[in-house]
C-alpha atoms as a PDB file:
ATOM      1  CA  UNK A   1       8.440   6.105 -16.078  1.00  0.00           C
ATOM      2  CA  UNK A   2      11.462   5.062 -13.791  1.00  0.00           C
ATOM      3  CA  UNK A   3      10.837   2.946 -10.738  1.00  0.00           C
ATOM      4  CA  UNK A   4      13.307   3.323  -7.764  1.00  0.00           C
ATOM      5  CA  UNK A   5      13.411   1.818  -4.488  1.00  0.00           C
ATOM      6  CA  UNK A   6      13.770   3.593  -1.264  1.00  0.00           C
ATOM      7  CA  UNK A   7      15.947   2.153   1.375  1.00  0.00           C
ATOM      8  CA  UNK A   8      12.784   1.552   3.487  1.00  0.00           C
ATOM      9  CA  UNK A   9      11.367  -0.314   0.557  1.00  0.00           C
ATOM     10  CA  UNK A  10      14.538  -2.477   0.306  1.00  0.00           C
ATOM     11  CA  UNK A  11      14.506  -3.184   4.145  1.00  0.00           C
ATOM     12  CA  UNK A  12      10.834  -4.009   4.434  1.00  0.00           C
ATOM     13  CA  UNK A  13      10.927  -6.137   1.249  1.00  0.00           C
ATOM     14  CA  UNK A  14      13.738  -8.197   2.855  1.00  0.00           C
ATOM     15  CA  UNK A  15      11.656  -8.530   6.011  1.00  0.00           C
ATOM     16  CA  UNK A  16       8.755  -9.884   4.155  1.00  0.00           C
ATOM     17  CA  UNK A  17      10.947 -12.336   2.308  1.00  0.00           C
ATOM     18  CA  UNK A  18      12.619 -13.292   5.594  1.00  0.00           C
ATOM     19  CA  UNK A  19       9.222 -13.927   7.234  1.00  0.00           C
ATOM     20  CA  UNK A  20       7.918 -16.019   4.276  1.00  0.00           C
ATOM     21  CA  UNK A  21      11.211 -18.058   4.512  1.00  0.00           C
ATOM     22  CA  UNK A  22      10.818 -18.768   8.231  1.00  0.00           C
ATOM     23  CA  UNK A  23       7.288 -19.853   7.872  1.00  0.00           C
ATOM     24  CA  UNK A  24       6.858 -21.308   4.342  1.00  0.00           C
ATOM     25  CA  UNK A  25       8.795 -23.115   1.721  1.00  0.00           C
ATOM     26  CA  UNK A  26      11.170 -21.637  -0.921  1.00  0.00           C
ATOM     27  CA  UNK A  27       8.359 -22.204  -3.409  1.00  0.00           C
ATOM     28  CA  UNK A  28       6.025 -19.659  -1.554  1.00  0.00           C
ATOM     29  CA  UNK A  29       8.966 -17.283  -1.314  1.00  0.00           C
ATOM     30  CA  UNK A  30       9.773 -17.496  -4.910  1.00  0.00           C
ATOM     31  CA  UNK A  31       6.208 -17.032  -5.816  1.00  0.00           C
ATOM     32  CA  UNK A  32       5.923 -13.933  -3.735  1.00  0.00           C
ATOM     33  CA  UNK A  33       9.053 -12.304  -5.248  1.00  0.00           C
ATOM     34  CA  UNK A  34       7.509 -13.047  -8.768  1.00  0.00           C
ATOM     35  CA  UNK A  35       4.327 -11.556  -7.744  1.00  0.00           C
ATOM     36  CA  UNK A  36       5.910  -8.534  -6.433  1.00  0.00           C
ATOM     37  CA  UNK A  37       7.933  -7.806  -9.676  1.00  0.00           C
ATOM     38  CA  UNK A  38       4.750  -8.421 -11.665  1.00  0.00           C
ATOM     39  CA  UNK A  39       3.040  -5.742  -9.633  1.00  0.00           C
ATOM     40  CA  UNK A  40       5.963  -3.359 -10.035  1.00  0.00           C
ATOM     41  CA  UNK A  41       5.912  -3.942 -13.792  1.00  0.00           C
ATOM     42  CA  UNK A  42       2.108  -3.077 -13.735  1.00  0.00           C
ATOM     43  CA  UNK A  43       3.060   0.039 -11.679  1.00  0.00           C
ATOM     44  CA  UNK A  44       5.725   1.040 -14.087  1.00  0.00           C
ATOM     45  CA  UNK A  45       3.343   0.814 -17.111  1.00  0.00           C
ATOM     46  CA  UNK A  46       0.179   2.194 -15.368  1.00  0.00           C
ATOM     47  CA  UNK A  47       1.268   4.233 -12.232  1.00  0.00           C
ATOM     48  CA  UNK A  48      -2.323   5.184 -11.307  1.00  0.00           C
ATOM     49  CA  UNK A  49      -3.626   1.458 -11.505  1.00  0.00           C
ATOM     50  CA  UNK A  50      -3.901   1.132  -7.696  1.00  0.00           C
ATOM     51  CA  UNK A  51      -5.870   3.074  -5.326  1.00  0.00           C
ATOM     52  CA  UNK A  52      -4.638   6.247  -3.835  1.00  0.00           C
ATOM     53  CA  UNK A  53      -3.862   6.125   0.045  1.00  0.00           C
ATOM     54  CA  UNK A  54      -4.343   8.969   2.492  1.00  0.00           C
ATOM     55  CA  UNK A  55      -1.136   7.814   4.141  1.00  0.00           C
ATOM     56  CA  UNK A  56       0.276  10.692   6.379  1.00  0.00           C
ATOM     57  CA  UNK A  57      -1.667  13.225   4.332  1.00  0.00           C
ATOM     58  CA  UNK A  58       0.798  13.021   1.474  1.00  0.00           C
ATOM     59  CA  UNK A  59      -0.553  13.378  -2.112  1.00  0.00           C
ATOM     60  CA  UNK A  60       0.245  10.968  -4.826  1.00  0.00           C
ATOM     61  CA  UNK A  61       0.799   7.798  -2.481  1.00  0.00           C
ATOM     62  CA  UNK A  62      -0.737   4.752  -3.868  1.00  0.00           C
ATOM     63  CA  UNK A  63      -1.133   1.212  -2.470  1.00  0.00           C
ATOM     64  CA  UNK A  64      -0.917  -1.972  -4.268  1.00  0.00           C
ATOM     65  CA  UNK A  65      -1.981  -5.350  -2.755  1.00  0.00           C
ATOM     66  CA  UNK A  66       0.770  -7.883  -3.411  1.00  0.00           C
ATOM     67  CA  UNK A  67      -0.819 -10.591  -1.394  1.00  0.00           C
ATOM     68  CA  UNK A  68      -3.492 -10.730   1.084  1.00  0.00           C
ATOM     69  CA  UNK A  69      -0.882 -10.316   3.757  1.00  0.00           C
ATOM     70  CA  UNK A  70       1.269  -7.585   2.033  1.00  0.00           C
ATOM     71  CA  UNK A  71       0.795  -4.226   0.523  1.00  0.00           C
ATOM     72  CA  UNK A  72       3.252  -2.023  -1.396  1.00  0.00           C
ATOM     73  CA  UNK A  73       3.035   1.806  -0.835  1.00  0.00           C
ATOM     74  CA  UNK A  74       4.546   3.950  -3.630  1.00  0.00           C
ATOM     75  CA  UNK A  75       4.582   7.562  -4.566  1.00  0.00           C
ATOM     76  CA  UNK A  76       4.257   8.938  -8.131  1.00  0.00           C
ATOM     77  CA  UNK A  77       5.972  12.158  -9.198  1.00  0.00           C
ATOM     78  CA  UNK A  78       6.449  13.658 -12.548  1.00  0.00           C
ATOM     79  CA  UNK A  79       9.868  12.096 -13.037  1.00  0.00           C
ATOM     80  CA  UNK A  80       9.612   8.549 -11.224  1.00  0.00           C
ATOM     81  CA  UNK A  81       7.805   6.154  -9.233  1.00  0.00           C
ATOM     82  CA  UNK A  82       9.379   5.531  -5.757  1.00  0.00           C
ATOM     83  CA  UNK A  83       8.523   2.369  -3.922  1.00  0.00           C
ATOM     84  CA  UNK A  84       8.311   3.479  -0.344  1.00  0.00           C
ATOM     85  CA  UNK A  85       7.693   0.451   1.798  1.00  0.00           C
ATOM     86  CA  UNK A  86       6.094  -2.995   2.040  1.00  0.00           C
ATOM     87  CA  UNK A  87       3.443  -3.512   4.879  1.00  0.00           C
ATOM     88  CA  UNK A  88       2.365  -6.561   6.640  1.00  0.00           C
ATOM     89  CA  UNK A  89      -1.478  -6.136   6.503  1.00  0.00           C
ATOM     90  CA  UNK A  90      -1.743  -7.999   9.850  1.00  0.00           C
ATOM     91  CA  UNK A  91      -0.006  -5.070  11.608  1.00  0.00           C
ATOM     92  CA  UNK A  92      -1.694  -2.324  13.418  1.00  0.00           C
ATOM     93  CA  UNK A  93      -2.897   0.179  10.630  1.00  0.00           C
ATOM     94  CA  UNK A  94      -2.382   2.995  13.216  1.00  0.00           C
ATOM     95  CA  UNK A  95       1.284   2.643  12.793  1.00  0.00           C
ATOM     96  CA  UNK A  96       1.098   3.738   9.180  1.00  0.00           C
ATOM     97  CA  UNK A  97       0.236   7.376  10.385  1.00  0.00           C
ATOM     98  CA  UNK A  98       3.117   7.541  12.797  1.00  0.00           C
END
């Protein structure tokens, strides 16, 4: 199944990378990128591997833990998988429903 990145996924992924680069080394940044694409490959092969989320009451939204600090939210449709956004797990979860 085709995986596409929403604009918000691209922006929030860049935000995560920037945060890692500010606070850690290039090694950690590269490891996060590798881990992210590994998870995306798993999602592409097994779309329902990760648990469903009740995010904003939408159906078919799943969440994949990339790292203890970051979660990827994605939506499954019949034709494709859309990466919606990356979330800093330390942020207020109430913001997810807004």
